[in-house]
Each structure stands twice: as C-alpha cells, then as structure tokens.
Amino acid sequence: MPHIDPPQLDTFISPTRLAELIRSAREEDLGPDGLDVTSELFVPTDLQGKASVVVRQSGKLAGAAILHQVTQAYNENIRVDIKTQDGSGVAPGQVVAVLTGPMSSILAAERVALNLMTHLSGVATLTSHYVEQVAGTRARVYDTRKTLPGLRGLQKYAVACGGGATHRMGLYDAVLLKDNHLAQVSSTGLADAVADAVKRSRAAHPQIKFVMVEVDTLEQLQAVLPTGIDLVLLDNMTTDQLKQAVNMRDADAPSVELEASGGVTLETIGEIAKTGVDRISVGALTHSAPALDLGLDITS
C-alpha cells in the first residue's frame, strides 16, 4: 500500500477530549479503585521491561499517534518510541512502536492501547481499500456520521490515515437538508425551500463548511441545481441515474459538487466512481470496519 502522510490529530480531536476518552477507557478497565489485580499479584512493582507493538495482519496503520497519551495515563515513566507512522502500510511482523518502562504499567495499558489501535487501523485499512477502487477517477471517498459515540474524532482521523476525507464532523459544522427535513415541502415548492435554506444558512452561520441537500430523483436534482447549493447528495441512485445527474449538473450548475450515497460497497464503488460524481460517502468505513490484528510482545 502506498504511504499516506499522517493527518494532524488535533484537527479531529482536541487534546482535552482525547485525554477524557483515554481516562474513561482506563477507568472502565481498572475499575473504581484503579486495580490490575493480576499484575499486582504476579509482576514486581520495580520490574522494568520493554514491549513491542507488532503487526499480525497486513493493512494500514492508525492510532500510533495516541500511544504516548495512552501510556502516560497509566505511568509517566513509560517511554514510547514510534517506529511506523500512521498512514503507513504495514505487514505481519512489523514493529510499529516500542514501549519501555515499568512492566506492570505497560501490561495495564496494553488492552486499551491495542483496542484503540486495532480498531482505528481497521478503519484506515478498510478506507484504503475503498480509495484504491476509485483510483483514476475524480471521485473521493468520504466518511459519514455513522460513528461510535465518543470515538468520532478518532474514527475520522483513521479514515484520513486511510486516504479518505471528512464529510462533516457533526451537526454543527455544515448544513445537510435530508428528506426528513423537507418532508413537509411539496415537489413544486422544493426549489424555493432550498434556495431560502441556502440564504438563511449562510447568513446565520457564515463559518459552515457547506450547504447540502439530499435528493432521490433526477426531478428533484433539476429543481435544486439553480438554488445556490454547494453540494447535492444523490441518494440510492443507479449508475445510469448518476451519469444523467452528472450531465445535468455539468450543463446547468458546474460549480455544484455531486455526492453518491447509499449502500456503497467495495464491489460497487468503482462503477459509481466512473459515473463522474465528485464524492462518494460510505458509512461502512466507520460502522463496519473489522479490527486490524496487532499485538504486544514482551521483548525484555
């Protein structure tokens, strides 16, 4: 897999939010009294050692960037030496990081660190497979808001590590008018309703990333193209419909970007990309990514 430069972590999650997440995960594992009873009984408190995070399965790495914060939550004396950057392709046997310090603390941190890294690397790996399928087309692969509560920032970071792009972080940074928002709008009133929404959105929230509307027919697309909208989401359209949509856009509103969405799979995304759409959103990147197998091996 080609190397992708790692994205800036704090673009996706603030240091404060990351610290809260790690603290919550640590407390969930160690309980209210902060106990690892196994290590307490069998590992001397003064034992120093070294352990390596090792790849068991080929894929794309994500999560190395948070290893330092994770280990610091257990013991400030654990040193982390990152050997492989996030965004890199990895292969079985590859060492991505080395941890050195109090062995009992390394063992206590092991599961939380691996849980996060295996999940995020799984997201990055799945994303990279989707990205590979659209190579040579104008389309980019985008994530969605179908993320695990509390993990959105990290999951979207992992998507970026896999070569994908961020759709919107949440309800706060972009406007997306979906069918439920427009349920009370008649077909004849759609254009006026969307034009008014565009105007009011930009006046009230000039900082938003974009104003987007969802359509599921070509007739709806025709109605919204002249409204000043930034993006149109083409929901569950066939490839023939997507091609027609691109032709309509090119003729009537070439500055509007088109996004295909709905049931996109690795088997279908290539043909969807060939229709000429600009963006393809895939919920599976975050809600259905299998973990990438990583392990912690004690080396001394």
C-alpha atoms as a PDB file:
ATOM      1  CA  MET A   1       0.000   0.000   0.000  1.00  0.00           C
ATOM      2  CA  PRO A   2       1.301   3.499  -0.765  1.00  0.00           C
ATOM      3  CA  HIS A   3       2.292   5.635   2.222  1.00  0.00           C
ATOM      4  CA  ILE A   4      -0.057   8.435   3.225  1.00  0.00           C
ATOM      5  CA  ASP A   5       1.318  11.279   5.307  1.00  0.00           C
ATOM      6  CA  PRO A   6      -0.428  11.186   8.679  1.00  0.00           C
ATOM      7  CA  PRO A   7      -3.109  13.829   9.195  1.00  0.00           C
ATOM      8  CA  GLN A   8      -2.894  16.291  12.070  1.00  0.00           C
ATOM      9  CA  LEU A   9      -4.508  14.516  15.025  1.00  0.00           C
ATOM     10  CA  ASP A  10      -5.778  17.658  16.743  1.00  0.00           C
ATOM     11  CA  THR A  11      -7.709  18.574  13.599  1.00  0.00           C
ATOM     12  CA  PHE A  12     -10.044  15.726  14.505  1.00  0.00           C
ATOM     13  CA  ILE A  13      -9.930  15.570  18.296  1.00  0.00           C
ATOM     14  CA  SER A  14      -8.709  18.085  20.858  1.00  0.00           C
ATOM     15  CA  PRO A  15      -6.061  17.073  23.395  1.00  0.00           C
ATOM     16  CA  THR A  16      -8.616  17.626  26.145  1.00  0.00           C
ATOM     17  CA  ARG A  17     -11.224  15.404  24.506  1.00  0.00           C
ATOM     18  CA  LEU A  18      -8.604  12.716  23.824  1.00  0.00           C
ATOM     19  CA  ALA A  19      -7.484  12.797  27.451  1.00  0.00           C
ATOM     20  CA  GLU A  20     -11.099  12.403  28.602  1.00  0.00           C
ATOM     21  CA  LEU A  21     -11.589   9.441  26.285  1.00  0.00           C
ATOM     22  CA  ILE A  22      -8.432   7.705  27.483  1.00  0.00           C
ATOM     23  CA  ARG A  23      -9.242   8.388  31.128  1.00  0.00           C
ATOM     24  CA  SER A  24     -12.703   6.892  30.665  1.00  0.00           C
ATOM     25  CA  ALA A  25     -11.265   3.797  28.972  1.00  0.00           C
ATOM     26  CA  ARG A  26      -8.670   3.403  31.726  1.00  0.00           C
ATOM     27  CA  GLU A  27     -11.265   3.665  34.485  1.00  0.00           C
ATOM     28  CA  GLU A  28     -13.529   1.193  32.687  1.00  0.00           C
ATOM     29  CA  ASP A  29     -10.686  -1.349  32.661  1.00  0.00           C
ATOM     30  CA  LEU A  30      -9.138  -0.748  36.076  1.00  0.00           C
ATOM     31  CA  GLY A  31     -12.377  -0.172  37.943  1.00  0.00           C
ATOM     32  CA  PRO A  32     -13.130   2.455  40.585  1.00  0.00           C
ATOM     33  CA  ASP A  33     -10.046   1.584  42.644  1.00  0.00           C
ATOM     34  CA  GLY A  34      -7.588   1.599  39.726  1.00  0.00           C
ATOM     35  CA  LEU A  35      -6.561  -2.055  40.103  1.00  0.00           C
ATOM     36  CA  ASP A  36      -4.891  -4.539  37.801  1.00  0.00           C
ATOM     37  CA  VAL A  37      -5.101  -7.397  40.273  1.00  0.00           C
ATOM     38  CA  THR A  38      -3.208  -9.858  38.061  1.00  0.00           C
ATOM     39  CA  SER A  39      -0.149  -7.652  37.658  1.00  0.00           C
ATOM     40  CA  GLU A  40      -0.374  -6.665  41.313  1.00  0.00           C
ATOM     41  CA  LEU A  41      -0.051 -10.311  42.306  1.00  0.00           C
ATOM     42  CA  PHE A  42       2.466 -11.535  39.740  1.00  0.00           C
ATOM     43  CA  VAL A  43       4.571  -8.614  38.449  1.00  0.00           C
ATOM     44  CA  PRO A  44       7.049  -6.874  40.796  1.00  0.00           C
ATOM     45  CA  THR A  45       6.344  -3.162  41.017  1.00  0.00           C
ATOM     46  CA  ASP A  46      10.008  -2.329  40.372  1.00  0.00           C
ATOM     47  CA  LEU A  47      10.359  -4.573  37.301  1.00  0.00           C
ATOM     48  CA  GLN A  48      11.431  -2.631  34.215  1.00  0.00           C
ATOM     49  CA  GLY A  49      10.967  -4.003  30.729  1.00  0.00           C
ATOM     50  CA  LYS A  50      10.377  -3.458  27.053  1.00  0.00           C
ATOM     51  CA  ALA A  51       7.472  -4.413  24.811  1.00  0.00           C
ATOM     52  CA  SER A  52       6.787  -4.003  21.106  1.00  0.00           C
ATOM     53  CA  VAL A  53       3.517  -3.325  19.316  1.00  0.00           C
ATOM     54  CA  VAL A  54       3.707  -5.815  16.457  1.00  0.00           C
ATOM     55  CA  VAL A  55       1.590  -6.181  13.336  1.00  0.00           C
ATOM     56  CA  ARG A  56      -0.104  -9.552  12.819  1.00  0.00           C
ATOM     57  CA  GLN A  57      -2.026  -8.705   9.650  1.00  0.00           C
ATOM     58  CA  SER A  58      -1.328  -6.567   6.572  1.00  0.00           C
ATOM     59  CA  GLY A  59      -3.147  -3.260   6.436  1.00  0.00           C
ATOM     60  CA  LYS A  60      -2.940   0.457   7.075  1.00  0.00           C
ATOM     61  CA  LEU A  61      -1.819   1.847  10.424  1.00  0.00           C
ATOM     62  CA  ALA A  62      -3.755   4.348  12.530  1.00  0.00           C
ATOM     63  CA  GLY A  63      -3.519   5.078  16.231  1.00  0.00           C
ATOM     64  CA  ALA A  64       0.234   5.212  16.803  1.00  0.00           C
ATOM     65  CA  ALA A  65      -0.168   8.940  17.343  1.00  0.00           C
ATOM     66  CA  ILE A  66      -2.167   8.369  20.546  1.00  0.00           C
ATOM     67  CA  LEU A  67       0.130   5.771  22.127  1.00  0.00           C
ATOM     68  CA  HIS A  68       2.045   8.336  24.148  1.00  0.00           C
ATOM     69  CA  GLN A  69      -1.154   9.815  25.610  1.00  0.00           C
ATOM     70  CA  VAL A  70      -2.496   6.346  26.436  1.00  0.00           C
ATOM     71  CA  THR A  71       0.609   5.166  28.237  1.00  0.00           C
ATOM     72  CA  GLN A  72       1.015   8.453  30.107  1.00  0.00           C
ATOM     73  CA  ALA A  73      -2.424   7.902  31.617  1.00  0.00           C
ATOM     74  CA  TYR A  74      -1.010   4.775  33.300  1.00  0.00           C
ATOM     75  CA  ASN A  75       2.534   5.816  34.138  1.00  0.00           C
ATOM     76  CA  GLU A  76       4.504   8.902  33.130  1.00  0.00           C
ATOM     77  CA  ASN A  77       7.701   6.829  33.160  1.00  0.00           C
ATOM     78  CA  ILE A  78       6.703   4.719  30.149  1.00  0.00           C
ATOM     79  CA  ARG A  79       8.716   5.780  27.093  1.00  0.00           C
ATOM     80  CA  VAL A  80       7.201   5.352  23.626  1.00  0.00           C
ATOM     81  CA  ASP A  81       9.341   5.022  20.522  1.00  0.00           C
ATOM     82  CA  ILE A  82       7.194   5.150  17.372  1.00  0.00           C
ATOM     83  CA  LYS A  83       8.752   3.091  14.580  1.00  0.00           C
ATOM     84  CA  THR A  84       5.981   3.417  11.990  1.00  0.00           C
ATOM     85  CA  GLN A  85       3.848   6.477  11.336  1.00  0.00           C
ATOM     86  CA  ASP A  86       0.095   6.460  10.960  1.00  0.00           C
ATOM     87  CA  GLY A  87      -0.940   6.271   7.320  1.00  0.00           C
ATOM     88  CA  SER A  88       1.755   3.712   6.524  1.00  0.00           C
ATOM     89  CA  GLY A  89       1.076   0.313   5.033  1.00  0.00           C
ATOM     90  CA  VAL A  90       2.106  -2.433   7.454  1.00  0.00           C
ATOM     91  CA  ALA A  91       2.854  -6.146   7.185  1.00  0.00           C
ATOM     92  CA  PRO A  92       2.932  -9.094   9.617  1.00  0.00           C
ATOM     93  CA  GLY A  93       5.923  -8.993  11.951  1.00  0.00           C
ATOM     94  CA  GLN A  94       6.462  -5.253  11.578  1.00  0.00           C
ATOM     95  CA  VAL A  95       7.165  -3.348  14.805  1.00  0.00           C
ATOM     96  CA  VAL A  96       5.202  -0.102  14.927  1.00  0.00           C
ATOM     97  CA  ALA A  97       6.204   1.056  18.414  1.00  0.00           C
ATOM     98  CA  VAL A  98       8.378   0.078  21.370  1.00  0.00           C
ATOM     99  CA  LEU A  99       7.329   0.747  24.968  1.00  0.00           C
ATOM    100  CA  THR A 100       9.937   0.870  27.726  1.00  0.00           C
ATOM    101  CA  GLY A 101       9.359   1.313  31.450  1.00  0.00           C
ATOM    102  CA  PRO A 102       7.609  -0.236  34.458  1.00  0.00           C
ATOM    103  CA  MET A 103       6.308  -3.589  33.260  1.00  0.00           C
ATOM    104  CA  SER A 104       3.208  -3.606  35.440  1.00  0.00           C
ATOM    105  CA  SER A 105       2.092  -0.292  33.931  1.00  0.00           C
ATOM    106  CA  ILE A 106       2.819  -1.429  30.373  1.00  0.00           C
ATOM    107  CA  LEU A 107       0.698  -4.530  30.948  1.00  0.00           C
ATOM    108  CA  ALA A 108      -2.107  -2.456  32.444  1.00  0.00           C
ATOM    109  CA  ALA A 109      -2.129  -0.134  29.428  1.00  0.00           C
ATOM    110  CA  GLU A 110      -1.887  -2.962  26.885  1.00  0.00           C
ATOM    111  CA  ARG A 111      -5.569  -3.653  26.248  1.00  0.00           C
ATOM    112  CA  VAL A 112      -6.781  -0.071  25.988  1.00  0.00           C
ATOM    113  CA  ALA A 113      -3.893   0.801  23.667  1.00  0.00           C
ATOM    114  CA  LEU A 114      -4.486  -2.218  21.448  1.00  0.00           C
ATOM    115  CA  ASN A 115      -8.268  -1.828  21.458  1.00  0.00           C
ATOM    116  CA  LEU A 116      -7.926   1.678  20.086  1.00  0.00           C
ATOM    117  CA  MET A 117      -5.127   0.915  17.643  1.00  0.00           C
ATOM    118  CA  THR A 118      -6.653  -2.263  16.200  1.00  0.00           C
ATOM    119  CA  HIS A 119      -9.988  -0.522  15.662  1.00  0.00           C
ATOM    120  CA  LEU A 120      -8.512   2.634  14.149  1.00  0.00           C
ATOM    121  CA  SER A 121      -6.145   0.636  11.944  1.00  0.00           C
ATOM    122  CA  GLY A 122      -9.126  -1.425  10.805  1.00  0.00           C
ATOM    123  CA  VAL A 123     -10.948   1.757   9.801  1.00  0.00           C
ATOM    124  CA  ALA A 124      -7.863   3.041   7.973  1.00  0.00           C
ATOM    125  CA  THR A 125      -7.367  -0.292   6.222  1.00  0.00           C
ATOM    126  CA  LEU A 126     -10.964  -0.567   5.032  1.00  0.00           C
ATOM    127  CA  THR A 127     -10.866   3.045   3.860  1.00  0.00           C
ATOM    128  CA  SER A 128      -7.702   2.392   1.873  1.00  0.00           C
ATOM    129  CA  HIS A 129      -9.418  -0.469   0.039  1.00  0.00           C
ATOM    130  CA  TYR A 130     -12.283   1.832  -0.971  1.00  0.00           C
ATOM    131  CA  VAL A 131      -9.815   4.524  -2.033  1.00  0.00           C
ATOM    132  CA  GLU A 132      -7.979   2.025  -4.214  1.00  0.00           C
ATOM    133  CA  GLN A 133     -11.214   1.243  -6.050  1.00  0.00           C
ATOM    134  CA  VAL A 134     -11.750   4.879  -7.153  1.00  0.00           C
ATOM    135  CA  ALA A 135      -8.181   5.467  -8.343  1.00  0.00           C
ATOM    136  CA  GLY A 136      -8.079   7.168 -11.709  1.00  0.00           C
ATOM    137  CA  THR A 137     -11.465   8.845 -11.298  1.00  0.00           C
ATOM    138  CA  ARG A 138     -12.418  12.281  -9.994  1.00  0.00           C
ATOM    139  CA  ALA A 139     -14.266  10.794  -7.023  1.00  0.00           C
ATOM    140  CA  ARG A 140     -13.034  10.959  -3.437  1.00  0.00           C
ATOM    141  CA  VAL A 141     -14.157   8.668  -0.646  1.00  0.00           C
ATOM    142  CA  TYR A 142     -15.881  10.351   2.315  1.00  0.00           C
ATOM    143  CA  ASP A 143     -16.900   9.171   5.753  1.00  0.00           C
ATOM    144  CA  THR A 144     -20.264   9.850   7.431  1.00  0.00           C
ATOM    145  CA  ARG A 145     -21.655  10.493  10.912  1.00  0.00           C
ATOM    146  CA  LYS A 146     -22.212   6.752  11.406  1.00  0.00           C
ATOM    147  CA  THR A 147     -19.561   6.580  14.085  1.00  0.00           C
ATOM    148  CA  LEU A 148     -19.319   5.089  17.567  1.00  0.00           C
ATOM    149  CA  PRO A 149     -20.367   7.595  20.258  1.00  0.00           C
ATOM    150  CA  GLY A 150     -17.264   9.158  21.780  1.00  0.00           C
ATOM    151  CA  LEU A 151     -14.959   7.879  19.040  1.00  0.00           C
ATOM    152  CA  ARG A 152     -15.985  10.101  16.139  1.00  0.00           C
ATOM    153  CA  GLY A 153     -12.861  12.246  16.112  1.00  0.00           C
ATOM    154  CA  LEU A 154     -10.534   9.257  16.214  1.00  0.00           C
ATOM    155  CA  GLN A 155     -12.534   7.315  13.643  1.00  0.00           C
ATOM    156  CA  LYS A 156     -12.476  10.232  11.226  1.00  0.00           C
ATOM    157  CA  TYR A 157      -8.745  10.590  11.874  1.00  0.00           C
ATOM    158  CA  ALA A 158      -8.385   6.923  10.920  1.00  0.00           C
ATOM    159  CA  VAL A 159     -10.365   7.499   7.710  1.00  0.00           C
ATOM    160  CA  ALA A 160      -7.894  10.237   6.814  1.00  0.00           C
ATOM    161  CA  CYS A 161      -4.999   7.843   7.575  1.00  0.00           C
ATOM    162  CA  GLY A 162      -6.524   5.508   5.001  1.00  0.00           C
ATOM    163  CA  GLY A 163      -6.722   8.199   2.342  1.00  0.00           C
ATOM    164  CA  GLY A 164     -10.372   9.138   2.813  1.00  0.00           C
ATOM    165  CA  ALA A 165     -11.895  12.546   3.501  1.00  0.00           C
ATOM    166  CA  THR A 166     -14.095  14.012   6.209  1.00  0.00           C
ATOM    167  CA  HIS A 167     -17.688  14.781   5.253  1.00  0.00           C
ATOM    168  CA  ARG A 168     -18.656  16.843   8.305  1.00  0.00           C
ATOM    169  CA  MET A 169     -17.672  16.418  11.910  1.00  0.00           C
ATOM    170  CA  GLY A 170     -21.185  16.792  13.221  1.00  0.00           C
ATOM    171  CA  LEU A 171     -24.422  18.692  13.033  1.00  0.00           C
ATOM    172  CA  TYR A 172     -22.605  21.878  13.964  1.00  0.00           C
ATOM    173  CA  ASP A 173     -20.204  22.491  11.063  1.00  0.00           C
ATOM    174  CA  ALA A 174     -22.293  22.010   7.908  1.00  0.00           C
ATOM    175  CA  VAL A 175     -25.897  22.024   6.726  1.00  0.00           C
ATOM    176  CA  LEU A 176     -27.367  18.876   5.190  1.00  0.00           C
ATOM    177  CA  LEU A 177     -31.039  19.035   4.301  1.00  0.00           C
ATOM    178  CA  LYS A 178     -32.228  15.443   4.242  1.00  0.00           C
ATOM    179  CA  ASP A 179     -35.598  14.059   3.209  1.00  0.00           C
ATOM    180  CA  ASN A 180     -36.897  14.239   6.776  1.00  0.00           C
ATOM    181  CA  HIS A 181     -36.069  17.950   6.946  1.00  0.00           C
ATOM    182  CA  LEU A 182     -38.046  18.524   3.752  1.00  0.00           C
ATOM    183  CA  ALA A 183     -40.898  16.117   4.463  1.00  0.00           C
ATOM    184  CA  GLN A 184     -43.465  18.936   4.578  1.00  0.00           C
ATOM    185  CA  VAL A 185     -42.228  20.578   1.371  1.00  0.00           C
ATOM    186  CA  SER A 186     -44.175  19.871  -1.839  1.00  0.00           C
ATOM    187  CA  SER A 187     -42.360  18.939  -5.022  1.00  0.00           C
ATOM    188  CA  THR A 188     -43.336  22.269  -6.563  1.00  0.00           C
ATOM    189  CA  GLY A 189     -42.013  24.162  -3.578  1.00  0.00           C
ATOM    190  CA  LEU A 190     -38.686  22.341  -3.301  1.00  0.00           C
ATOM    191  CA  ALA A 191     -36.593  24.857  -5.235  1.00  0.00           C
ATOM    192  CA  ASP A 192     -37.849  27.840  -3.252  1.00  0.00           C
ATOM    193  CA  ALA A 193     -37.439  26.000   0.060  1.00  0.00           C
ATOM    194  CA  VAL A 194     -33.839  25.028  -0.696  1.00  0.00           C
ATOM    195  CA  ALA A 195     -32.934  28.489  -2.014  1.00  0.00           C
ATOM    196  CA  ASP A 196     -34.320  30.018   1.180  1.00  0.00           C
ATOM    197  CA  ALA A 197     -32.415  27.488   3.302  1.00  0.00           C
ATOM    198  CA  VAL A 198     -29.171  28.312   1.497  1.00  0.00           C
ATOM    199  CA  LYS A 199     -29.660  32.033   2.071  1.00  0.00           C
ATOM    200  CA  ARG A 200     -30.593  31.684   5.745  1.00  0.00           C
ATOM    201  CA  SER A 201     -27.835  29.176   6.481  1.00  0.00           C
ATOM    202  CA  ARG A 202     -25.079  31.408   5.156  1.00  0.00           C
ATOM    203  CA  ALA A 203     -26.469  34.466   6.894  1.00  0.00           C
ATOM    204  CA  ALA A 204     -26.850  32.776  10.266  1.00  0.00           C
ATOM    205  CA  HIS A 205     -23.709  30.629  10.188  1.00  0.00           C
ATOM    206  CA  PRO A 206     -21.139  32.034   7.732  1.00  0.00           C
ATOM    207  CA  GLN A 207     -18.466  29.708   9.117  1.00  0.00           C
ATOM    208  CA  ILE A 208     -20.159  26.467   7.997  1.00  0.00           C
ATOM    209  CA  LYS A 209     -18.280  24.233   5.584  1.00  0.00           C
ATOM    210  CA  PHE A 210     -21.096  23.766   3.091  1.00  0.00           C
ATOM    211  CA  VAL A 211     -24.827  23.696   2.490  1.00  0.00           C
ATOM    212  CA  MET A 212     -26.009  20.384   1.033  1.00  0.00           C
ATOM    213  CA  VAL A 213     -29.343  18.873   0.074  1.00  0.00           C
ATOM    214  CA  GLU A 214     -30.332  15.240  -0.385  1.00  0.00           C
ATOM    215  CA  VAL A 215     -32.370  14.179  -3.414  1.00  0.00           C
ATOM    216  CA  ASP A 216     -33.514  10.780  -4.584  1.00  0.00           C
ATOM    217  CA  THR A 217     -34.854  11.606  -8.044  1.00  0.00           C
ATOM    218  CA  LEU A 218     -33.485  13.407 -11.073  1.00  0.00           C
ATOM    219  CA  GLU A 219     -36.516  15.704 -10.986  1.00  0.00           C
ATOM    220  CA  GLN A 220     -35.536  16.865  -7.510  1.00  0.00           C
ATOM    221  CA  LEU A 221     -31.962  17.370  -8.689  1.00  0.00           C
ATOM    222  CA  GLN A 222     -33.156  19.558 -11.554  1.00  0.00           C
ATOM    223  CA  ALA A 223     -35.118  21.672  -9.107  1.00  0.00           C
ATOM    224  CA  VAL A 224     -32.257  22.282  -6.643  1.00  0.00           C
ATOM    225  CA  LEU A 225     -29.359  22.853  -9.022  1.00  0.00           C
ATOM    226  CA  PRO A 226     -30.112  26.589  -9.543  1.00  0.00           C
ATOM    227  CA  THR A 227     -30.620  27.342  -5.828  1.00  0.00           C
ATOM    228  CA  GLY A 228     -27.018  28.253  -4.958  1.00  0.00           C
ATOM    229  CA  ILE A 229     -26.485  24.978  -3.127  1.00  0.00           C
ATOM    230  CA  ASP A 230     -22.884  23.811  -2.641  1.00  0.00           C
ATOM    231  CA  LEU A 231     -23.439  20.059  -2.759  1.00  0.00           C
ATOM    232  CA  VAL A 232     -26.170  17.636  -3.714  1.00  0.00           C
ATOM    233  CA  LEU A 233     -26.338  14.174  -2.192  1.00  0.00           C
ATOM    234  CA  LEU A 234     -27.696  11.642  -4.688  1.00  0.00           C
ATOM    235  CA  ASP A 235     -29.308   9.010  -2.523  1.00  0.00           C
ATOM    236  CA  ASN A 236     -29.528   5.388  -3.678  1.00  0.00           C
ATOM    237  CA  MET A 237     -29.426   6.188  -7.400  1.00  0.00           C
ATOM    238  CA  THR A 238     -28.452   3.670 -10.045  1.00  0.00           C
ATOM    239  CA  THR A 239     -25.278   4.210 -12.040  1.00  0.00           C
ATOM    240  CA  ASP A 240     -27.384   5.238 -15.058  1.00  0.00           C
ATOM    241  CA  GLN A 241     -29.154   7.836 -12.934  1.00  0.00           C
ATOM    242  CA  LEU A 242     -25.822   9.052 -11.565  1.00  0.00           C
ATOM    243  CA  LYS A 243     -24.495   9.531 -15.106  1.00  0.00           C
ATOM    244  CA  GLN A 244     -27.591  11.529 -16.005  1.00  0.00           C
ATOM    245  CA  ALA A 245     -27.185  13.563 -12.831  1.00  0.00           C
ATOM    246  CA  VAL A 246     -23.591  14.426 -13.752  1.00  0.00           C
ATOM    247  CA  ASN A 247     -24.667  15.518 -17.229  1.00  0.00           C
ATOM    248  CA  MET A 248     -27.414  17.704 -15.757  1.00  0.00           C
ATOM    249  CA  ARG A 249     -25.002  19.256 -13.284  1.00  0.00           C
ATOM    250  CA  ASP A 250     -22.357  19.911 -15.939  1.00  0.00           C
ATOM    251  CA  ALA A 251     -24.923  21.656 -18.137  1.00  0.00           C
ATOM    252  CA  ASP A 252     -26.792  23.692 -15.515  1.00  0.00           C
ATOM    253  CA  ALA A 253     -24.583  24.223 -12.441  1.00  0.00           C
ATOM    254  CA  PRO A 254     -20.979  23.099 -12.972  1.00  0.00           C
ATOM    255  CA  SER A 255     -19.828  24.508  -9.621  1.00  0.00           C
ATOM    256  CA  VAL A 256     -22.136  22.209  -7.651  1.00  0.00           C
ATOM    257  CA  GLU A 257     -20.497  19.028  -6.375  1.00  0.00           C
ATOM    258  CA  LEU A 258     -22.365  15.743  -6.519  1.00  0.00           C
ATOM    259  CA  GLU A 259     -22.093  13.036  -3.905  1.00  0.00           C
ATOM    260  CA  ALA A 260     -23.312   9.467  -4.352  1.00  0.00           C
ATOM    261  CA  SER A 261     -24.511   7.727  -1.214  1.00  0.00           C
ATOM    262  CA  GLY A 262     -26.484   4.716  -0.064  1.00  0.00           C
ATOM    263  CA  GLY A 263     -25.425   1.093   0.165  1.00  0.00           C
ATOM    264  CA  VAL A 264     -21.997   1.642  -1.383  1.00  0.00           C
ATOM    265  CA  THR A 265     -19.768  -1.443  -1.217  1.00  0.00           C
ATOM    266  CA  LEU A 266     -16.275  -2.389  -2.336  1.00  0.00           C
ATOM    267  CA  GLU A 267     -17.891  -4.239  -5.221  1.00  0.00           C
ATOM    268  CA  THR A 268     -19.929  -1.257  -6.432  1.00  0.00           C
ATOM    269  CA  ILE A 269     -17.844   1.819  -5.664  1.00  0.00           C
ATOM    270  CA  GLY A 270     -15.648   1.503  -8.752  1.00  0.00           C
ATOM    271  CA  GLU A 271     -18.584   1.710 -11.151  1.00  0.00           C
ATOM    272  CA  ILE A 272     -20.125   4.517  -9.127  1.00  0.00           C
ATOM    273  CA  ALA A 273     -16.883   6.496  -9.372  1.00  0.00           C
ATOM    274  CA  LYS A 274     -16.829   6.085 -13.156  1.00  0.00           C
ATOM    275  CA  THR A 275     -20.114   7.981 -13.454  1.00  0.00           C
ATOM    276  CA  GLY A 276     -18.289  11.252 -12.812  1.00  0.00           C
ATOM    277  CA  VAL A 277     -19.563  12.113  -9.336  1.00  0.00           C
ATOM    278  CA  ASP A 278     -17.192  14.126  -7.180  1.00  0.00           C
ATOM    279  CA  ARG A 279     -17.723  12.383  -3.863  1.00  0.00           C
ATOM    280  CA  ILE A 280     -18.862   9.008  -2.588  1.00  0.00           C
ATOM    281  CA  SER A 281     -19.838   8.663   1.070  1.00  0.00           C
ATOM    282  CA  VAL A 282     -19.523   5.278   2.746  1.00  0.00           C
ATOM    283  CA  GLY A 283     -20.945   4.646   6.209  1.00  0.00           C
ATOM    284  CA  ALA A 284     -19.244   1.248   6.351  1.00  0.00           C
ATOM    285  CA  LEU A 285     -15.837   2.899   6.778  1.00  0.00           C
ATOM    286  CA  THR A 286     -16.625   3.529  10.429  1.00  0.00           C
ATOM    287  CA  HIS A 287     -19.581   1.335  11.331  1.00  0.00           C
ATOM    288  CA  SER A 288     -18.413  -1.938   9.778  1.00  0.00           C
ATOM    289  CA  ALA A 289     -14.620  -1.943   9.746  1.00  0.00           C
ATOM    290  CA  PRO A 290     -13.064  -5.152  11.127  1.00  0.00           C
ATOM    291  CA  ALA A 291     -10.170  -4.685  13.530  1.00  0.00           C
ATOM    292  CA  LEU A 292      -6.622  -4.999  12.200  1.00  0.00           C
ATOM    293  CA  ASP A 293      -4.733  -7.570  14.253  1.00  0.00           C
ATOM    294  CA  LEU A 294      -1.954  -6.034  16.329  1.00  0.00           C
ATOM    295  CA  GLY A 295      -0.308  -7.491  19.411  1.00  0.00           C
ATOM    296  CA  LEU A 296       2.026  -6.567  22.250  1.00  0.00           C
ATOM    297  CA  ASP A 297       5.133  -8.729  22.541  1.00  0.00           C
ATOM    298  CA  ILE A 298       7.377  -8.536  25.613  1.00  0.00           C
ATOM    299  CA  THR A 299      10.964  -8.272  24.379  1.00  0.00           C
ATOM    300  CA  SER A 300      12.885  -7.922  27.629  1.00  0.00           C
END
